[in-house]
Amino acid sequence: MIAPRRSGLPRLHAVTDERIANLPDLADRSRRLAAAAPVAAHARGHALTGREHLALARTLGSSFTGRLFVNDRLDVALAADAVGVQLSATGLSPEEARRFRPAWWIGVSVHTPEEALAAQAGGADYLLVGPVFATPTHPEASPLGVEGLARFTKFGLPVVAIGGVSRANAREVVSAGAYGVAMIRALWDAPDPARAAQEIMKEMAWKSS
């Protein structure tokens, strides 16, 4: 098993869904967002066909050079030359996924400490933990809260928090031990995505200022 990396992972992650994938100005928003800060873009859309997912990944990849991640679809990640993949806790293990491309950043979406432990044992580079707060993306899920989020920091992997995270609570999330944050609406739906990304980065950096 390859030891997980500890540095170089972007702290801000812009995640898509089916609605974002079909925005008519997605390419323009991607360019503005990518130019504003070292944001990682996640091509995600569970209901997308393989071709639609690949088209989304290529649209994002043309702007987020060297910072494209693909969720769930390793074939799309390979075709789009992504630098990272995001796996589910019930899918392939990080060790199995790494056989396709050893240099990938590999994250695992986890909801319980038990899933986090399995991801760590499998060679994950980071954990995507959520939902931290209530979110319309997963209305059925019980939020972890910042107290619950803190339970995932003991595994020695960077924790990227997702689920209802925004500029208003990013500082609180980082205080709980998160390395970074992942967002959908707070970035893609912002009137000025570039400014939103910069302001969120400032909130995450407050402890070192």
C-alpha atoms as a PDB file:
ATOM      1  CA  MET A   1       0.000   0.000   0.000  1.00  0.00           C
ATOM      2  CA  ILE A   2       1.306   3.462  -0.953  1.00  0.00           C
ATOM      3  CA  ALA A   3       1.520   5.881   1.957  1.00  0.00           C
ATOM      4  CA  PRO A   4      -1.006   8.739   1.632  1.00  0.00           C
ATOM      5  CA  ARG A   5       0.315  12.189   0.794  1.00  0.00           C
ATOM      6  CA  ARG A   6       0.138  14.909   3.418  1.00  0.00           C
ATOM      7  CA  SER A   7       0.616  18.139   1.459  1.00  0.00           C
ATOM      8  CA  GLY A   8      -0.332  19.731  -1.845  1.00  0.00           C
ATOM      9  CA  LEU A   9      -4.024  18.874  -1.705  1.00  0.00           C
ATOM     10  CA  PRO A  10      -6.202  21.925  -2.484  1.00  0.00           C
ATOM     11  CA  ARG A  11      -8.155  23.194   0.515  1.00  0.00           C
ATOM     12  CA  LEU A  12     -11.188  24.408  -1.439  1.00  0.00           C
ATOM     13  CA  HIS A  13     -13.184  21.956  -3.563  1.00  0.00           C
ATOM     14  CA  ALA A  14     -15.949  22.972  -5.981  1.00  0.00           C
ATOM     15  CA  VAL A  15     -18.269  19.994  -6.469  1.00  0.00           C
ATOM     16  CA  THR A  16     -20.831  19.732  -9.247  1.00  0.00           C
ATOM     17  CA  ASP A  17     -24.142  17.942  -9.483  1.00  0.00           C
ATOM     18  CA  GLU A  18     -26.523  17.352 -12.394  1.00  0.00           C
ATOM     19  CA  ARG A  19     -27.915  20.898 -12.184  1.00  0.00           C
ATOM     20  CA  ILE A  20     -24.488  22.501 -12.202  1.00  0.00           C
ATOM     21  CA  ALA A  21     -23.393  20.244 -15.065  1.00  0.00           C
ATOM     22  CA  ASN A  22     -26.162  21.732 -17.214  1.00  0.00           C
ATOM     23  CA  LEU A  23     -25.578  25.409 -16.463  1.00  0.00           C
ATOM     24  CA  PRO A  24     -25.346  27.252 -19.791  1.00  0.00           C
ATOM     25  CA  ASP A  25     -22.474  29.400 -18.484  1.00  0.00           C
ATOM     26  CA  LEU A  26     -20.576  26.613 -16.724  1.00  0.00           C
ATOM     27  CA  ALA A  27     -17.428  27.110 -18.794  1.00  0.00           C
ATOM     28  CA  ASP A  28     -17.345  30.816 -17.977  1.00  0.00           C
ATOM     29  CA  ARG A  29     -17.967  30.210 -14.273  1.00  0.00           C
ATOM     30  CA  SER A  30     -15.244  27.565 -14.295  1.00  0.00           C
ATOM     31  CA  ARG A  31     -12.683  29.944 -15.783  1.00  0.00           C
ATOM     32  CA  ARG A  32     -13.499  32.668 -13.259  1.00  0.00           C
ATOM     33  CA  LEU A  33     -13.429  30.290 -10.325  1.00  0.00           C
ATOM     34  CA  ALA A  34     -10.202  28.571 -11.369  1.00  0.00           C
ATOM     35  CA  ALA A  35      -8.412  31.891 -11.813  1.00  0.00           C
ATOM     36  CA  ALA A  36      -9.394  33.175  -8.378  1.00  0.00           C
ATOM     37  CA  ALA A  37      -7.828  30.579  -6.087  1.00  0.00           C
ATOM     38  CA  PRO A  38      -6.248  27.091  -6.097  1.00  0.00           C
ATOM     39  CA  VAL A  39      -9.651  25.391  -6.218  1.00  0.00           C
ATOM     40  CA  ALA A  40     -10.077  21.703  -7.031  1.00  0.00           C
ATOM     41  CA  ALA A  41     -13.058  20.961  -9.281  1.00  0.00           C
ATOM     42  CA  HIS A  42     -14.990  17.725  -8.803  1.00  0.00           C
ATOM     43  CA  ALA A  43     -16.875  16.404 -11.811  1.00  0.00           C
ATOM     44  CA  ARG A  44     -19.784  14.671 -10.103  1.00  0.00           C
ATOM     45  CA  GLY A  45     -23.266  13.749 -11.269  1.00  0.00           C
ATOM     46  CA  HIS A  46     -24.753  10.439 -10.252  1.00  0.00           C
ATOM     47  CA  ALA A  47     -27.483  10.527 -12.909  1.00  0.00           C
ATOM     48  CA  LEU A  48     -25.192  11.571 -15.753  1.00  0.00           C
ATOM     49  CA  THR A  49     -24.420   9.122 -18.530  1.00  0.00           C
ATOM     50  CA  GLY A  50     -20.801   8.246 -19.162  1.00  0.00           C
ATOM     51  CA  ARG A  51     -20.644  10.650 -22.096  1.00  0.00           C
ATOM     52  CA  GLU A  52     -22.252  13.443 -20.099  1.00  0.00           C
ATOM     53  CA  HIS A  53     -19.877  12.866 -17.208  1.00  0.00           C
ATOM     54  CA  LEU A  54     -16.892  12.945 -19.554  1.00  0.00           C
ATOM     55  CA  ALA A  55     -18.132  16.149 -21.207  1.00  0.00           C
ATOM     56  CA  LEU A  56     -18.487  17.724 -17.772  1.00  0.00           C
ATOM     57  CA  ALA A  57     -15.002  16.613 -16.755  1.00  0.00           C
ATOM     58  CA  ARG A  58     -13.477  18.022 -19.924  1.00  0.00           C
ATOM     59  CA  THR A  59     -15.267  21.348 -19.473  1.00  0.00           C
ATOM     60  CA  LEU A  60     -13.917  21.633 -15.941  1.00  0.00           C
ATOM     61  CA  GLY A  61     -10.497  20.296 -16.874  1.00  0.00           C
ATOM     62  CA  SER A  62      -9.964  22.983 -19.501  1.00  0.00           C
ATOM     63  CA  SER A  63     -10.108  25.591 -16.738  1.00  0.00           C
ATOM     64  CA  PHE A  64      -8.908  23.758 -13.636  1.00  0.00           C
ATOM     65  CA  THR A  65      -5.628  22.589 -15.155  1.00  0.00           C
ATOM     66  CA  GLY A  66      -3.963  20.111 -12.831  1.00  0.00           C
ATOM     67  CA  ARG A  67      -6.827  20.354 -10.315  1.00  0.00           C
ATOM     68  CA  LEU A  68      -9.540  18.181 -11.846  1.00  0.00           C
ATOM     69  CA  PHE A  69     -11.047  15.419  -9.714  1.00  0.00           C
ATOM     70  CA  VAL A  70     -13.687  12.973 -10.914  1.00  0.00           C
ATOM     71  CA  ASN A  71     -16.181  11.351  -8.566  1.00  0.00           C
ATOM     72  CA  ASP A  72     -17.125   7.686  -8.881  1.00  0.00           C
ATOM     73  CA  ARG A  73     -16.145   7.123 -12.533  1.00  0.00           C
ATOM     74  CA  LEU A  74     -12.556   5.915 -12.903  1.00  0.00           C
ATOM     75  CA  ASP A  75     -13.020   5.492 -16.651  1.00  0.00           C
ATOM     76  CA  VAL A  76     -13.969   9.166 -16.950  1.00  0.00           C
ATOM     77  CA  ALA A  77     -11.059  10.163 -14.719  1.00  0.00           C
ATOM     78  CA  LEU A  78      -8.645   8.319 -16.999  1.00  0.00           C
ATOM     79  CA  ALA A  79     -10.151   9.731 -20.186  1.00  0.00           C
ATOM     80  CA  ALA A  80     -10.155  13.297 -18.830  1.00  0.00           C
ATOM     81  CA  ASP A  81      -6.636  12.998 -17.380  1.00  0.00           C
ATOM     82  CA  ALA A  82      -7.834  13.928 -13.878  1.00  0.00           C
ATOM     83  CA  VAL A  83      -5.342  14.335 -11.046  1.00  0.00           C
ATOM     84  CA  GLY A  84      -7.668  12.831  -8.471  1.00  0.00           C
ATOM     85  CA  VAL A  85     -10.683  10.626  -7.897  1.00  0.00           C
ATOM     86  CA  GLN A  86     -13.351  10.604  -5.208  1.00  0.00           C
ATOM     87  CA  LEU A  87     -14.595   7.166  -4.209  1.00  0.00           C
ATOM     88  CA  SER A  88     -17.612   6.047  -2.212  1.00  0.00           C
ATOM     89  CA  ALA A  89     -17.093   4.123   1.009  1.00  0.00           C
ATOM     90  CA  THR A  90     -18.864   1.115  -0.501  1.00  0.00           C
ATOM     91  CA  GLY A  91     -17.042   1.023  -3.845  1.00  0.00           C
ATOM     92  CA  LEU A  92     -13.505   0.181  -4.868  1.00  0.00           C
ATOM     93  CA  SER A  93     -10.860   0.600  -2.210  1.00  0.00           C
ATOM     94  CA  PRO A  94      -8.207   3.299  -2.678  1.00  0.00           C
ATOM     95  CA  GLU A  95      -5.614   0.572  -3.103  1.00  0.00           C
ATOM     96  CA  GLU A  96      -7.592  -0.983  -5.959  1.00  0.00           C
ATOM     97  CA  ALA A  97      -8.202   2.394  -7.631  1.00  0.00           C
ATOM     98  CA  ARG A  98      -4.531   3.307  -7.423  1.00  0.00           C
ATOM     99  CA  ARG A  99      -3.653   0.416  -9.700  1.00  0.00           C
ATOM    100  CA  PHE A 100      -5.200   2.401 -12.561  1.00  0.00           C
ATOM    101  CA  ARG A 101      -3.006   5.450 -11.940  1.00  0.00           C
ATOM    102  CA  PRO A 102      -0.597   5.496  -8.975  1.00  0.00           C
ATOM    103  CA  ALA A 103      -0.188   9.289  -9.047  1.00  0.00           C
ATOM    104  CA  TRP A 104      -3.870  10.034  -8.421  1.00  0.00           C
ATOM    105  CA  TRP A 105      -5.047  11.880  -5.354  1.00  0.00           C
ATOM    106  CA  ILE A 106      -7.589   9.455  -3.925  1.00  0.00           C
ATOM    107  CA  GLY A 107     -10.306  10.530  -1.522  1.00  0.00           C
ATOM    108  CA  VAL A 108     -13.121   8.554   0.036  1.00  0.00           C
ATOM    109  CA  SER A 109     -16.540   9.906   1.005  1.00  0.00           C
ATOM    110  CA  VAL A 110     -17.270   8.756   4.560  1.00  0.00           C
ATOM    111  CA  HIS A 111     -20.097   9.274   7.023  1.00  0.00           C
ATOM    112  CA  THR A 112     -18.945   7.258  10.031  1.00  0.00           C
ATOM    113  CA  PRO A 113     -15.619   6.762  11.839  1.00  0.00           C
ATOM    114  CA  GLU A 114     -15.776   3.085  10.849  1.00  0.00           C
ATOM    115  CA  GLU A 115     -15.849   4.036   7.169  1.00  0.00           C
ATOM    116  CA  ALA A 116     -12.993   6.463   7.789  1.00  0.00           C
ATOM    117  CA  LEU A 117     -10.907   3.742   9.403  1.00  0.00           C
ATOM    118  CA  ALA A 118     -11.497   1.454   6.408  1.00  0.00           C
ATOM    119  CA  ALA A 119     -10.547   4.254   4.004  1.00  0.00           C
ATOM    120  CA  GLN A 120      -7.343   4.886   5.925  1.00  0.00           C
ATOM    121  CA  ALA A 121      -6.468   1.187   5.897  1.00  0.00           C
ATOM    122  CA  GLY A 122      -7.133   1.085   2.152  1.00  0.00           C
ATOM    123  CA  GLY A 123      -4.649   3.867   1.421  1.00  0.00           C
ATOM    124  CA  ALA A 124      -6.832   6.964   1.009  1.00  0.00           C
ATOM    125  CA  ASP A 125      -5.046  10.311   0.707  1.00  0.00           C
ATOM    126  CA  TYR A 126      -7.893  12.272   2.288  1.00  0.00           C
ATOM    127  CA  LEU A 127     -11.426  11.920   3.637  1.00  0.00           C
ATOM    128  CA  LEU A 128     -14.501  13.767   2.365  1.00  0.00           C
ATOM    129  CA  VAL A 129     -16.687  13.942   5.468  1.00  0.00           C
ATOM    130  CA  GLY A 130     -20.316  14.947   5.664  1.00  0.00           C
ATOM    131  CA  PRO A 131     -22.883  16.172   5.751  1.00  0.00           C
ATOM    132  CA  VAL A 132     -21.618  18.541   8.405  1.00  0.00           C
ATOM    133  CA  PHE A 133     -24.733  20.734   8.291  1.00  0.00           C
ATOM    134  CA  ALA A 134     -28.215  20.253   6.885  1.00  0.00           C
ATOM    135  CA  THR A 135     -28.190  20.355   3.098  1.00  0.00           C
ATOM    136  CA  PRO A 136     -30.873  20.088   0.403  1.00  0.00           C
ATOM    137  CA  THR A 137     -28.518  17.858  -1.574  1.00  0.00           C
ATOM    138  CA  HIS A 138     -29.076  15.086   0.990  1.00  0.00           C
ATOM    139  CA  PRO A 139     -32.179  16.078   2.991  1.00  0.00           C
ATOM    140  CA  GLU A 140     -32.527  12.584   4.445  1.00  0.00           C
ATOM    141  CA  ALA A 141     -29.081  12.602   6.077  1.00  0.00           C
ATOM    142  CA  SER A 142     -28.550  13.578   9.707  1.00  0.00           C
ATOM    143  CA  PRO A 143     -25.916  16.342   9.998  1.00  0.00           C
ATOM    144  CA  LEU A 144     -22.743  15.481  11.892  1.00  0.00           C
ATOM    145  CA  GLY A 145     -22.278  18.979  13.267  1.00  0.00           C
ATOM    146  CA  VAL A 146     -18.832  20.355  14.017  1.00  0.00           C
ATOM    147  CA  GLU A 147     -18.597  18.105  17.075  1.00  0.00           C
ATOM    148  CA  GLY A 148     -19.163  15.040  14.923  1.00  0.00           C
ATOM    149  CA  LEU A 149     -16.747  16.315  12.300  1.00  0.00           C
ATOM    150  CA  ALA A 150     -13.977  16.475  14.901  1.00  0.00           C
ATOM    151  CA  ARG A 151     -14.244  12.698  15.354  1.00  0.00           C
ATOM    152  CA  PHE A 152     -12.748  12.178  11.894  1.00  0.00           C
ATOM    153  CA  THR A 153      -9.523  14.083  12.454  1.00  0.00           C
ATOM    154  CA  LYS A 154      -7.913  11.313  14.532  1.00  0.00           C
ATOM    155  CA  PHE A 155      -7.119   9.163  11.507  1.00  0.00           C
ATOM    156  CA  GLY A 156      -4.177  11.271  10.382  1.00  0.00           C
ATOM    157  CA  LEU A 157      -5.652  12.116   6.975  1.00  0.00           C
ATOM    158  CA  PRO A 158      -6.697  15.538   5.684  1.00  0.00           C
ATOM    159  CA  VAL A 159     -10.417  15.992   6.275  1.00  0.00           C
ATOM    160  CA  VAL A 160     -12.427  17.894   3.673  1.00  0.00           C
ATOM    161  CA  ALA A 161     -15.830  18.869   5.062  1.00  0.00           C
ATOM    162  CA  ILE A 162     -18.954  18.897   2.896  1.00  0.00           C
ATOM    163  CA  GLY A 163     -22.662  19.459   3.392  1.00  0.00           C
ATOM    164  CA  GLY A 164     -24.102  22.903   4.074  1.00  0.00           C
ATOM    165  CA  VAL A 165     -20.642  24.462   4.298  1.00  0.00           C
ATOM    166  CA  SER A 166     -20.494  28.147   3.339  1.00  0.00           C
ATOM    167  CA  ARG A 167     -18.473  31.259   3.918  1.00  0.00           C
ATOM    168  CA  ALA A 168     -20.513  31.886   7.085  1.00  0.00           C
ATOM    169  CA  ASN A 169     -19.412  28.650   8.759  1.00  0.00           C
ATOM    170  CA  ALA A 170     -16.087  27.831   7.048  1.00  0.00           C
ATOM    171  CA  ARG A 171     -14.100  29.242   9.964  1.00  0.00           C
ATOM    172  CA  GLU A 172     -16.064  27.085  12.409  1.00  0.00           C
ATOM    173  CA  VAL A 173     -15.405  23.999  10.304  1.00  0.00           C
ATOM    174  CA  VAL A 174     -11.656  24.650  10.162  1.00  0.00           C
ATOM    175  CA  SER A 175     -11.617  25.235  13.913  1.00  0.00           C
ATOM    176  CA  ALA A 176     -13.051  21.732  14.333  1.00  0.00           C
ATOM    177  CA  GLY A 177     -10.003  20.314  12.557  1.00  0.00           C
ATOM    178  CA  ALA A 178     -10.995  20.239   8.884  1.00  0.00           C
ATOM    179  CA  TYR A 179      -8.168  20.691   6.406  1.00  0.00           C
ATOM    180  CA  GLY A 180     -10.484  21.986   3.722  1.00  0.00           C
ATOM    181  CA  VAL A 181     -14.062  22.397   2.567  1.00  0.00           C
ATOM    182  CA  ALA A 182     -16.133  21.241  -0.397  1.00  0.00           C
ATOM    183  CA  MET A 183     -19.102  23.200  -1.700  1.00  0.00           C
ATOM    184  CA  ILE A 184     -21.680  23.249  -4.453  1.00  0.00           C
ATOM    185  CA  ARG A 185     -24.072  26.200  -4.203  1.00  0.00           C
ATOM    186  CA  ALA A 186     -21.765  28.514  -2.223  1.00  0.00           C
ATOM    187  CA  LEU A 187     -19.385  28.572  -5.186  1.00  0.00           C
ATOM    188  CA  TRP A 188     -21.266  27.721  -8.373  1.00  0.00           C
ATOM    189  CA  ASP A 189     -24.377  29.767  -7.533  1.00  0.00           C
ATOM    190  CA  ALA A 190     -22.499  32.813  -6.263  1.00  0.00           C
ATOM    191  CA  PRO A 191     -23.063  36.004  -8.313  1.00  0.00           C
ATOM    192  CA  ASP A 192     -19.269  36.311  -8.476  1.00  0.00           C
ATOM    193  CA  PRO A 193     -17.694  32.824  -8.088  1.00  0.00           C
ATOM    194  CA  ALA A 194     -14.156  34.248  -8.031  1.00  0.00           C
ATOM    195  CA  ARG A 195     -14.900  36.602  -5.167  1.00  0.00           C
ATOM    196  CA  ALA A 196     -16.747  33.878  -3.279  1.00  0.00           C
ATOM    197  CA  ALA A 197     -13.752  31.560  -3.533  1.00  0.00           C
ATOM    198  CA  GLN A 198     -11.359  34.253  -2.352  1.00  0.00           C
ATOM    199  CA  GLU A 199     -13.531  35.144   0.636  1.00  0.00           C
ATOM    200  CA  ILE A 200     -13.905  31.494   1.653  1.00  0.00           C
ATOM    201  CA  MET A 201     -10.145  30.979   1.401  1.00  0.00           C
ATOM    202  CA  LYS A 202      -9.628  33.941   3.720  1.00  0.00           C
ATOM    203  CA  GLU A 203     -11.994  32.418   6.267  1.00  0.00           C
ATOM    204  CA  MET A 204     -10.055  29.140   6.176  1.00  0.00           C
ATOM    205  CA  ALA A 205      -6.699  30.908   6.550  1.00  0.00           C
ATOM    206  CA  TRP A 206      -7.612  32.988   9.600  1.00  0.00           C
ATOM    207  CA  LYS A 207      -5.846  30.697  12.093  1.00  0.00           C
ATOM    208  CA  SER A 208      -2.457  31.193  10.439  1.00  0.00           C
ATOM    209  CA  SER A 209      -2.801  34.960  10.010  1.00  0.00           C
END
